[in-house]
């Protein structure tokens, strides 16, 4: 039984995961933020019926999210975070919470994302010091889900202009 509703367009972020060595295309992945997890926990359980906790085990930062059951018992789900390129500790804490949120079932539909491949003509891939980079703003314009709660349709914008459309074949 699904406890959390499916994510809406404005709750899903896009990040460049790969740029082809020749700069001909890039790939995006979809993700959610810890802020989205907190908002969905508030929406689903109420502000006073969930909590999170952080612990360092073997030098790694773990986040646990506890939700209060109908009987008043706390149920915990834990996961580890990895450091980010920017603000390593903050990024690690945020990543741990997002991963714990996945264990609870928040945003698991993102695992059904299609391969999001954007050709260079639809974005601004530039070469800097021998490496290709892209600083465009990508956002989910539309998302649809099927009866299995998998992504069945997706439209992505690059700098406000549609650059990717995908629909599952049945």
N, C-alpha and C. Protein backbone atom coordinates (compact mmCIF):
# COMPACT_ATOMS: atom_id res chain seq x y z
N UNK A 1 0.84 -1.18 0.00
CA UNK A 1 0.00 0.00 0.00
C UNK A 1 0.88 1.25 0.00
N UNK A 2 0.62 2.12 -0.93
CA UNK A 2 1.39 3.36 -1.06
C UNK A 2 0.89 4.38 -0.03
N UNK A 3 1.80 4.92 0.76
CA UNK A 3 1.43 5.93 1.77
C UNK A 3 1.55 7.35 1.23
N UNK A 4 2.48 7.55 0.32
CA UNK A 4 2.75 8.90 -0.19
C UNK A 4 2.21 9.04 -1.60
N UNK A 5 1.66 10.20 -1.89
CA UNK A 5 1.18 10.46 -3.25
C UNK A 5 2.37 10.55 -4.20
N UNK A 6 2.07 10.43 -5.48
CA UNK A 6 3.10 10.55 -6.50
C UNK A 6 3.60 12.00 -6.57
N UNK A 7 4.85 12.16 -6.93
CA UNK A 7 5.44 13.50 -7.01
C UNK A 7 4.85 14.29 -8.16
N UNK A 8 4.70 15.59 -7.91
CA UNK A 8 4.23 16.53 -8.94
C UNK A 8 5.43 17.12 -9.66
N UNK A 9 5.17 17.75 -10.80
CA UNK A 9 6.25 18.32 -11.62
C UNK A 9 7.17 19.23 -10.82
N UNK A 10 6.59 20.12 -10.02
CA UNK A 10 7.40 21.11 -9.30
C UNK A 10 8.15 20.52 -8.11
N UNK A 11 7.97 19.25 -7.83
CA UNK A 11 8.68 18.57 -6.75
C UNK A 11 9.84 17.70 -7.25
N UNK A 12 10.03 17.70 -8.57
CA UNK A 12 11.06 16.88 -9.18
C UNK A 12 12.12 17.79 -9.79
N UNK A 13 13.36 17.50 -9.50
CA UNK A 13 14.49 18.28 -10.02
C UNK A 13 15.19 17.48 -11.12
N UNK A 14 15.91 18.19 -11.99
CA UNK A 14 16.70 17.57 -13.05
C UNK A 14 18.16 17.96 -12.86
N UNK A 15 19.04 17.01 -13.07
CA UNK A 15 20.48 17.28 -12.98
C UNK A 15 21.19 16.56 -14.12
N UNK A 16 22.20 17.22 -14.66
CA UNK A 16 23.02 16.60 -15.70
C UNK A 16 23.83 15.47 -15.06
N UNK A 17 23.69 14.28 -15.61
CA UNK A 17 24.43 13.13 -15.08
C UNK A 17 25.64 12.78 -15.94
N UNK A 18 25.57 13.17 -17.22
CA UNK A 18 26.65 12.80 -18.15
C UNK A 18 26.59 13.72 -19.34
N UNK A 19 27.76 14.09 -19.83
CA UNK A 19 27.86 14.78 -21.12
C UNK A 19 28.76 13.91 -21.99
N UNK A 20 28.29 13.63 -23.20
CA UNK A 20 29.06 12.78 -24.11
C UNK A 20 30.45 13.37 -24.33
N UNK A 21 31.43 12.49 -24.49
CA UNK A 21 32.82 12.92 -24.66
C UNK A 21 32.99 13.86 -25.84
N UNK A 22 32.14 13.70 -26.85
CA UNK A 22 32.22 14.56 -28.04
C UNK A 22 31.30 15.78 -27.94
N UNK A 23 30.57 15.90 -26.81
CA UNK A 23 29.70 17.05 -26.61
C UNK A 23 28.42 17.04 -27.43
N UNK A 24 28.08 15.91 -28.03
CA UNK A 24 26.90 15.84 -28.90
C UNK A 24 25.58 15.75 -28.14
N UNK A 25 25.62 15.31 -26.88
CA UNK A 25 24.39 15.20 -26.09
C UNK A 25 24.73 15.14 -24.61
N UNK A 26 23.71 15.27 -23.81
CA UNK A 26 23.87 15.07 -22.37
C UNK A 26 22.71 14.21 -21.88
N UNK A 27 22.89 13.67 -20.71
CA UNK A 27 21.84 12.88 -20.07
C UNK A 27 21.47 13.56 -18.76
N UNK A 28 20.19 13.49 -18.42
CA UNK A 28 19.69 14.02 -17.16
C UNK A 28 19.18 12.89 -16.30
N UNK A 29 19.16 13.11 -14.99
CA UNK A 29 18.44 12.22 -14.11
C UNK A 29 17.49 13.05 -13.26
N UNK A 30 16.43 12.41 -12.82
CA UNK A 30 15.41 13.06 -12.00
C UNK A 30 15.69 12.74 -10.54
N UNK A 31 15.47 13.72 -9.67
CA UNK A 31 15.65 13.48 -8.24
C UNK A 31 14.71 14.36 -7.44
N UNK A 32 14.62 14.07 -6.15
CA UNK A 32 13.83 14.87 -5.22
C UNK A 32 14.76 15.45 -4.18
N UNK A 33 14.32 16.48 -3.51
CA UNK A 33 15.16 17.10 -2.48
C UNK A 33 14.67 16.68 -1.09
N UNK A 34 15.51 16.91 -0.09
CA UNK A 34 15.12 16.64 1.29
C UNK A 34 13.95 17.54 1.69
N UNK A 35 13.87 18.74 1.12
CA UNK A 35 12.74 19.64 1.40
C UNK A 35 11.42 19.02 0.91
N UNK A 36 11.47 18.37 -0.23
CA UNK A 36 10.28 17.68 -0.75
C UNK A 36 9.89 16.55 0.19
N UNK A 37 10.87 15.79 0.67
CA UNK A 37 10.58 14.71 1.62
C UNK A 37 9.90 15.27 2.87
N UNK A 38 10.45 16.35 3.43
CA UNK A 38 9.88 16.94 4.64
C UNK A 38 8.45 17.42 4.40
N UNK A 39 8.21 18.04 3.26
CA UNK A 39 6.85 18.52 2.93
C UNK A 39 5.88 17.35 2.81
N UNK A 40 6.30 16.26 2.16
CA UNK A 40 5.42 15.10 2.02
C UNK A 40 5.19 14.39 3.34
N UNK A 41 6.21 14.36 4.19
CA UNK A 41 6.01 13.78 5.53
C UNK A 41 5.02 14.63 6.33
N UNK A 42 5.15 15.96 6.26
CA UNK A 42 4.18 16.84 6.94
C UNK A 42 2.77 16.61 6.40
N UNK A 43 2.65 16.53 5.07
CA UNK A 43 1.36 16.35 4.42
C UNK A 43 0.72 15.01 4.78
N UNK A 44 1.52 13.97 4.86
CA UNK A 44 1.01 12.61 5.07
C UNK A 44 0.78 12.29 6.55
N UNK A 45 1.71 12.69 7.40
CA UNK A 45 1.66 12.31 8.82
C UNK A 45 1.35 13.47 9.76
N UNK A 46 1.52 14.69 9.31
CA UNK A 46 1.39 15.85 10.19
C UNK A 46 2.75 16.21 10.76
N UNK A 47 2.91 17.46 11.12
CA UNK A 47 4.22 17.95 11.56
C UNK A 47 4.73 17.29 12.83
N UNK A 48 3.83 16.79 13.68
CA UNK A 48 4.25 16.23 14.95
C UNK A 48 4.27 14.70 14.98
N UNK A 49 4.11 14.08 13.84
CA UNK A 49 4.06 12.61 13.80
C UNK A 49 5.19 12.00 12.98
N UNK A 50 6.23 12.76 12.74
CA UNK A 50 7.43 12.22 12.12
C UNK A 50 8.62 12.99 12.67
N UNK A 51 9.79 12.37 12.57
CA UNK A 51 11.03 13.01 13.00
C UNK A 51 12.19 12.38 12.26
N UNK A 52 13.33 13.08 12.27
CA UNK A 52 14.52 12.47 11.70
C UNK A 52 15.66 12.57 12.70
N UNK A 53 16.65 11.71 12.49
CA UNK A 53 17.78 11.62 13.39
C UNK A 53 19.00 11.26 12.55
N UNK A 54 20.16 11.77 12.95
CA UNK A 54 21.40 11.48 12.23
C UNK A 54 22.38 10.79 13.16
N UNK A 55 23.10 9.82 12.60
CA UNK A 55 24.12 9.09 13.36
C UNK A 55 25.29 8.78 12.45
N UNK A 56 26.49 8.83 13.03
CA UNK A 56 27.69 8.46 12.30
C UNK A 56 28.05 7.04 12.69
N UNK A 57 28.13 6.16 11.69
CA UNK A 57 28.51 4.77 11.89
C UNK A 57 29.66 4.46 10.94
N UNK A 58 30.76 3.96 11.47
CA UNK A 58 31.95 3.67 10.67
C UNK A 58 32.38 4.85 9.81
N UNK A 59 32.23 6.06 10.35
CA UNK A 59 32.65 7.27 9.65
C UNK A 59 31.69 7.74 8.58
N UNK A 60 30.52 7.13 8.49
CA UNK A 60 29.53 7.51 7.47
C UNK A 60 28.28 8.06 8.16
N UNK A 61 27.69 9.09 7.55
CA UNK A 61 26.51 9.73 8.12
C UNK A 61 25.23 9.05 7.64
N UNK A 62 24.45 8.60 8.59
CA UNK A 62 23.16 7.97 8.31
C UNK A 62 22.04 8.88 8.80
N UNK A 63 20.93 8.85 8.09
CA UNK A 63 19.72 9.55 8.53
C UNK A 63 18.64 8.51 8.72
N UNK A 64 17.92 8.66 9.80
CA UNK A 64 16.74 7.83 10.04
C UNK A 64 15.52 8.73 10.04
N UNK A 65 14.45 8.25 9.45
CA UNK A 65 13.17 8.95 9.51
C UNK A 65 12.23 8.06 10.29
N UNK A 66 11.68 8.61 11.36
CA UNK A 66 10.72 7.89 12.18
C UNK A 66 9.33 8.44 11.96
N UNK A 67 8.37 7.54 11.78
CA UNK A 67 6.97 7.95 11.66
C UNK A 67 6.17 7.24 12.75
N UNK A 68 5.21 7.95 13.29
CA UNK A 68 4.41 7.41 14.37
C UNK A 68 3.28 6.55 13.79
N UNK A 69 3.21 5.30 14.22
CA UNK A 69 2.15 4.40 13.75
C UNK A 69 0.84 4.75 14.46
N UNK A 70 -0.24 4.13 14.01
CA UNK A 70 -1.55 4.37 14.63
C UNK A 70 -1.56 3.98 16.10
N UNK A 71 -0.73 3.02 16.48
CA UNK A 71 -0.66 2.60 17.88
C UNK A 71 0.24 3.51 18.72
N UNK A 72 0.87 4.51 18.07
CA UNK A 72 1.75 5.43 18.77
C UNK A 72 3.20 5.00 18.80
N UNK A 73 3.50 3.85 18.20
CA UNK A 73 4.87 3.34 18.15
C UNK A 73 5.63 4.03 17.01
N UNK A 74 6.92 4.33 17.25
CA UNK A 74 7.75 4.94 16.22
C UNK A 74 8.36 3.84 15.34
N UNK A 75 8.21 4.01 14.02
CA UNK A 75 8.79 3.09 13.04
C UNK A 75 9.88 3.85 12.31
N UNK A 76 11.10 3.28 12.29
CA UNK A 76 12.26 3.96 11.72
C UNK A 76 12.76 3.29 10.46
N UNK A 77 13.20 4.11 9.50
CA UNK A 77 13.88 3.65 8.29
C UNK A 77 15.15 4.49 8.15
N UNK A 78 16.27 3.83 7.87
CA UNK A 78 17.57 4.47 7.83
C UNK A 78 18.26 4.28 6.48
N UNK A 79 19.13 5.25 6.13
CA UNK A 79 20.01 5.08 4.97
C UNK A 79 21.19 6.03 5.11
N UNK A 80 22.23 5.75 4.36
CA UNK A 80 23.48 6.49 4.43
C UNK A 80 23.52 7.54 3.32
N UNK A 81 24.24 8.64 3.57
CA UNK A 81 24.40 9.68 2.56
C UNK A 81 25.82 9.74 2.06
N UNK A 82 26.01 10.38 0.91
CA UNK A 82 27.34 10.61 0.36
C UNK A 82 27.56 12.11 0.28
N UNK A 83 28.83 12.52 0.37
CA UNK A 83 29.16 13.94 0.30
C UNK A 83 28.86 14.47 -1.10
N UNK A 84 28.53 15.75 -1.16
CA UNK A 84 28.32 16.40 -2.46
C UNK A 84 29.55 17.23 -2.79
N UNK A 85 29.60 17.75 -4.00
CA UNK A 85 30.72 18.58 -4.43
C UNK A 85 30.72 19.94 -3.72
N UNK A 86 29.54 20.39 -3.34
CA UNK A 86 29.40 21.67 -2.66
C UNK A 86 28.93 21.41 -1.23
N UNK A 87 29.52 22.06 -0.27
CA UNK A 87 29.13 21.91 1.14
C UNK A 87 28.98 20.44 1.51
N UNK A 88 30.08 19.75 1.61
CA UNK A 88 30.11 18.30 1.76
C UNK A 88 29.24 17.79 2.90
N UNK A 89 29.34 18.38 4.08
CA UNK A 89 28.56 17.88 5.23
C UNK A 89 27.06 18.09 5.03
N UNK A 90 26.68 19.28 4.57
CA UNK A 90 25.26 19.57 4.33
C UNK A 90 24.72 18.64 3.25
N UNK A 91 25.50 18.47 2.20
CA UNK A 91 25.09 17.58 1.11
C UNK A 91 24.94 16.15 1.57
N UNK A 92 25.83 15.70 2.43
CA UNK A 92 25.77 14.33 2.94
C UNK A 92 24.52 14.14 3.80
N UNK A 93 24.20 15.13 4.64
CA UNK A 93 23.00 15.04 5.49
C UNK A 93 21.74 15.03 4.63
N UNK A 94 21.70 15.90 3.63
CA UNK A 94 20.55 15.96 2.73
C UNK A 94 20.39 14.66 1.96
N UNK A 95 21.51 14.14 1.46
CA UNK A 95 21.47 12.88 0.70
C UNK A 95 20.99 11.73 1.57
N UNK A 96 21.46 11.69 2.81
CA UNK A 96 21.02 10.62 3.72
C UNK A 96 19.52 10.69 3.96
N UNK A 97 18.99 11.91 4.12
CA UNK A 97 17.55 12.04 4.34
C UNK A 97 16.76 11.62 3.10
N UNK A 98 17.23 12.05 1.92
CA UNK A 98 16.53 11.66 0.68
C UNK A 98 16.52 10.14 0.52
N UNK A 99 17.63 9.50 0.83
CA UNK A 99 17.71 8.04 0.70
C UNK A 99 16.81 7.34 1.73
N UNK A 100 16.76 7.88 2.95
CA UNK A 100 15.85 7.32 3.95
C UNK A 100 14.41 7.52 3.50
N UNK A 101 14.14 8.66 2.86
CA UNK A 101 12.80 8.91 2.31
C UNK A 101 12.41 7.89 1.25
N UNK A 102 13.37 7.51 0.40
CA UNK A 102 13.10 6.46 -0.59
C UNK A 102 12.74 5.15 0.11
N UNK A 103 13.45 4.82 1.19
CA UNK A 103 13.17 3.58 1.92
C UNK A 103 11.73 3.59 2.46
N UNK A 104 11.25 4.78 2.86
CA UNK A 104 9.87 4.92 3.31
C UNK A 104 8.87 4.87 2.16
N UNK A 105 9.35 5.12 0.94
CA UNK A 105 8.47 5.09 -0.23
C UNK A 105 8.23 6.43 -0.88
N UNK A 106 8.93 7.47 -0.43
CA UNK A 106 8.76 8.80 -1.02
C UNK A 106 9.51 8.87 -2.35
N UNK A 107 8.79 9.09 -3.44
CA UNK A 107 9.42 9.31 -4.74
C UNK A 107 9.96 8.08 -5.43
N UNK A 108 9.56 6.90 -5.00
CA UNK A 108 10.09 5.69 -5.63
C UNK A 108 9.71 5.59 -7.12
N UNK A 109 8.71 6.35 -7.52
CA UNK A 109 8.33 6.36 -8.94
C UNK A 109 9.45 6.90 -9.82
N UNK A 110 10.38 7.65 -9.25
CA UNK A 110 11.49 8.19 -10.03
C UNK A 110 12.41 7.09 -10.56
N UNK A 111 12.41 5.93 -9.90
CA UNK A 111 13.21 4.81 -10.39
C UNK A 111 12.74 4.31 -11.76
N UNK A 112 11.54 4.68 -12.17
CA UNK A 112 11.00 4.24 -13.46
C UNK A 112 11.27 5.27 -14.57
N UNK A 113 12.11 6.25 -14.30
CA UNK A 113 12.41 7.29 -15.28
C UNK A 113 13.00 6.71 -16.56
N UNK A 114 12.60 7.26 -17.70
CA UNK A 114 13.23 6.83 -18.96
C UNK A 114 14.64 7.41 -19.07
N UNK A 115 15.38 6.98 -20.08
CA UNK A 115 16.68 7.55 -20.39
C UNK A 115 16.42 8.94 -20.98
N UNK A 116 16.87 9.97 -20.29
CA UNK A 116 16.63 11.35 -20.73
C UNK A 116 17.89 11.85 -21.41
N UNK A 117 17.87 11.83 -22.73
CA UNK A 117 19.03 12.19 -23.55
C UNK A 117 18.67 13.44 -24.34
N UNK A 118 19.41 14.53 -24.08
CA UNK A 118 19.13 15.81 -24.72
C UNK A 118 20.24 16.10 -25.74
N UNK A 119 19.89 16.25 -27.04
CA UNK A 119 20.91 16.56 -28.04
C UNK A 119 21.47 17.97 -27.85
N UNK A 120 22.70 18.18 -28.26
CA UNK A 120 23.37 19.47 -28.09
C UNK A 120 22.60 20.62 -28.74
N UNK A 121 21.82 20.35 -29.76
CA UNK A 121 21.05 21.42 -30.43
C UNK A 121 19.94 21.97 -29.54
N UNK A 122 19.57 21.23 -28.50
CA UNK A 122 18.45 21.65 -27.64
C UNK A 122 18.91 22.17 -26.28
N UNK A 123 20.23 22.32 -26.12
CA UNK A 123 20.78 22.86 -24.87
C UNK A 123 22.11 23.53 -25.20
N UNK A 124 22.75 24.08 -24.20
CA UNK A 124 24.00 24.82 -24.42
C UNK A 124 25.18 24.08 -23.80
N UNK A 125 25.72 23.14 -24.56
CA UNK A 125 26.91 22.41 -24.12
C UNK A 125 28.12 23.18 -24.62
N UNK A 126 28.99 23.56 -23.70
CA UNK A 126 30.18 24.35 -24.05
C UNK A 126 31.43 23.61 -23.57
N UNK A 127 32.51 23.81 -24.31
CA UNK A 127 33.77 23.21 -23.92
C UNK A 127 34.60 24.22 -23.13
N UNK A 128 35.05 23.82 -21.93
CA UNK A 128 35.90 24.64 -21.08
C UNK A 128 37.09 23.80 -20.65
N UNK A 129 38.29 24.26 -20.98
CA UNK A 129 39.52 23.56 -20.58
C UNK A 129 39.50 22.07 -20.93
N UNK A 130 39.03 21.77 -22.12
CA UNK A 130 39.05 20.39 -22.60
C UNK A 130 37.91 19.51 -22.11
N UNK A 131 36.99 20.07 -21.31
CA UNK A 131 35.84 19.31 -20.83
C UNK A 131 34.55 20.01 -21.23
N UNK A 132 33.55 19.21 -21.53
CA UNK A 132 32.25 19.78 -21.88
C UNK A 132 31.43 20.01 -20.62
N UNK A 133 30.73 21.14 -20.60
CA UNK A 133 29.90 21.52 -19.45
C UNK A 133 28.59 22.11 -19.95
N UNK A 134 27.60 22.06 -19.07
CA UNK A 134 26.30 22.66 -19.38
C UNK A 134 25.74 23.24 -18.09
N UNK A 135 25.40 24.51 -18.13
CA UNK A 135 24.85 25.19 -16.96
C UNK A 135 23.40 25.62 -17.17
N UNK A 136 22.74 25.01 -18.13
CA UNK A 136 21.34 25.32 -18.40
C UNK A 136 20.45 24.92 -17.24
N UNK A 137 19.28 25.51 -17.20
CA UNK A 137 18.29 25.16 -16.18
C UNK A 137 17.28 24.20 -16.82
N UNK A 138 17.24 22.98 -16.30
CA UNK A 138 16.30 21.97 -16.78
C UNK A 138 15.21 21.81 -15.74
N UNK A 139 13.98 21.65 -16.21
CA UNK A 139 12.87 21.44 -15.28
C UNK A 139 11.83 20.52 -15.89
N UNK A 140 11.13 19.80 -15.00
CA UNK A 140 10.06 18.91 -15.45
C UNK A 140 8.86 19.78 -15.77
N UNK A 141 8.42 19.71 -17.01
CA UNK A 141 7.25 20.47 -17.45
C UNK A 141 5.98 19.68 -17.18
N UNK A 142 5.99 18.41 -17.55
CA UNK A 142 4.83 17.53 -17.36
C UNK A 142 5.31 16.13 -17.02
N UNK A 143 4.51 15.46 -16.20
CA UNK A 143 4.79 14.06 -15.88
C UNK A 143 3.47 13.32 -15.77
N UNK A 144 3.44 12.10 -16.27
CA UNK A 144 2.26 11.25 -16.17
C UNK A 144 2.68 9.89 -15.64
N UNK A 145 1.75 9.25 -14.94
CA UNK A 145 2.02 7.94 -14.35
C UNK A 145 0.99 6.95 -14.84
N UNK A 146 1.38 5.67 -14.92
CA UNK A 146 0.45 4.62 -15.32
C UNK A 146 -0.18 3.97 -14.09
N UNK A 147 -0.96 2.92 -14.32
CA UNK A 147 -1.68 2.25 -13.22
C UNK A 147 -0.74 1.57 -12.22
N UNK A 148 0.51 1.31 -12.64
CA UNK A 148 1.51 0.72 -11.74
C UNK A 148 2.31 1.80 -11.00
N UNK A 149 1.95 3.05 -11.23
CA UNK A 149 2.61 4.22 -10.64
C UNK A 149 4.02 4.41 -11.15
N UNK A 150 4.27 3.93 -12.37
CA UNK A 150 5.52 4.18 -13.07
C UNK A 150 5.33 5.38 -13.98
N UNK A 151 6.43 6.05 -14.30
CA UNK A 151 6.35 7.20 -15.21
C UNK A 151 5.96 6.69 -16.60
N UNK A 152 4.90 7.29 -17.16
CA UNK A 152 4.43 6.88 -18.49
C UNK A 152 4.54 8.00 -19.52
N UNK A 153 4.82 9.19 -19.06
CA UNK A 153 4.99 10.33 -19.96
C UNK A 153 5.81 11.40 -19.26
N UNK A 154 6.65 12.09 -20.03
CA UNK A 154 7.54 13.08 -19.43
C UNK A 154 7.90 14.14 -20.46
N UNK A 155 7.84 15.41 -20.04
CA UNK A 155 8.30 16.53 -20.86
C UNK A 155 9.24 17.36 -20.00
N UNK A 156 10.39 17.73 -20.58
CA UNK A 156 11.42 18.50 -19.89
C UNK A 156 11.65 19.81 -20.65
N UNK A 157 11.85 20.89 -19.89
CA UNK A 157 12.20 22.17 -20.47
C UNK A 157 13.66 22.49 -20.17
N UNK A 158 14.29 23.16 -21.12
CA UNK A 158 15.64 23.68 -20.95
C UNK A 158 15.54 25.20 -21.11
N UNK A 159 15.87 25.93 -20.05
CA UNK A 159 15.78 27.39 -20.07
C UNK A 159 14.42 27.87 -20.56
N UNK A 160 13.36 27.19 -20.12
CA UNK A 160 11.99 27.58 -20.44
C UNK A 160 11.44 27.06 -21.75
N UNK A 161 12.25 26.35 -22.53
CA UNK A 161 11.81 25.84 -23.83
C UNK A 161 11.84 24.31 -23.82
N UNK A 162 10.77 23.70 -24.29
CA UNK A 162 10.71 22.23 -24.28
C UNK A 162 11.86 21.64 -25.09
N UNK A 163 12.55 20.66 -24.46
CA UNK A 163 13.70 20.04 -25.12
C UNK A 163 13.61 18.52 -25.16
N UNK A 164 12.65 17.93 -24.44
CA UNK A 164 12.55 16.48 -24.37
C UNK A 164 11.11 16.10 -24.12
N UNK A 165 10.62 15.13 -24.90
CA UNK A 165 9.28 14.56 -24.70
C UNK A 165 9.40 13.05 -24.85
N UNK A 166 8.77 12.35 -23.93
CA UNK A 166 8.80 10.89 -23.96
C UNK A 166 7.45 10.37 -23.50
N UNK A 167 6.99 9.30 -24.17
CA UNK A 167 5.77 8.62 -23.77
C UNK A 167 6.01 7.12 -23.88
N UNK A 168 5.60 6.40 -22.84
CA UNK A 168 5.77 4.95 -22.84
C UNK A 168 4.92 4.33 -23.93
N UNK A 169 5.44 3.26 -24.52
CA UNK A 169 4.67 2.51 -25.50
C UNK A 169 3.96 1.38 -24.78
N UNK A 170 2.74 1.14 -25.17
CA UNK A 170 1.96 0.07 -24.51
C UNK A 170 1.84 -1.14 -25.36
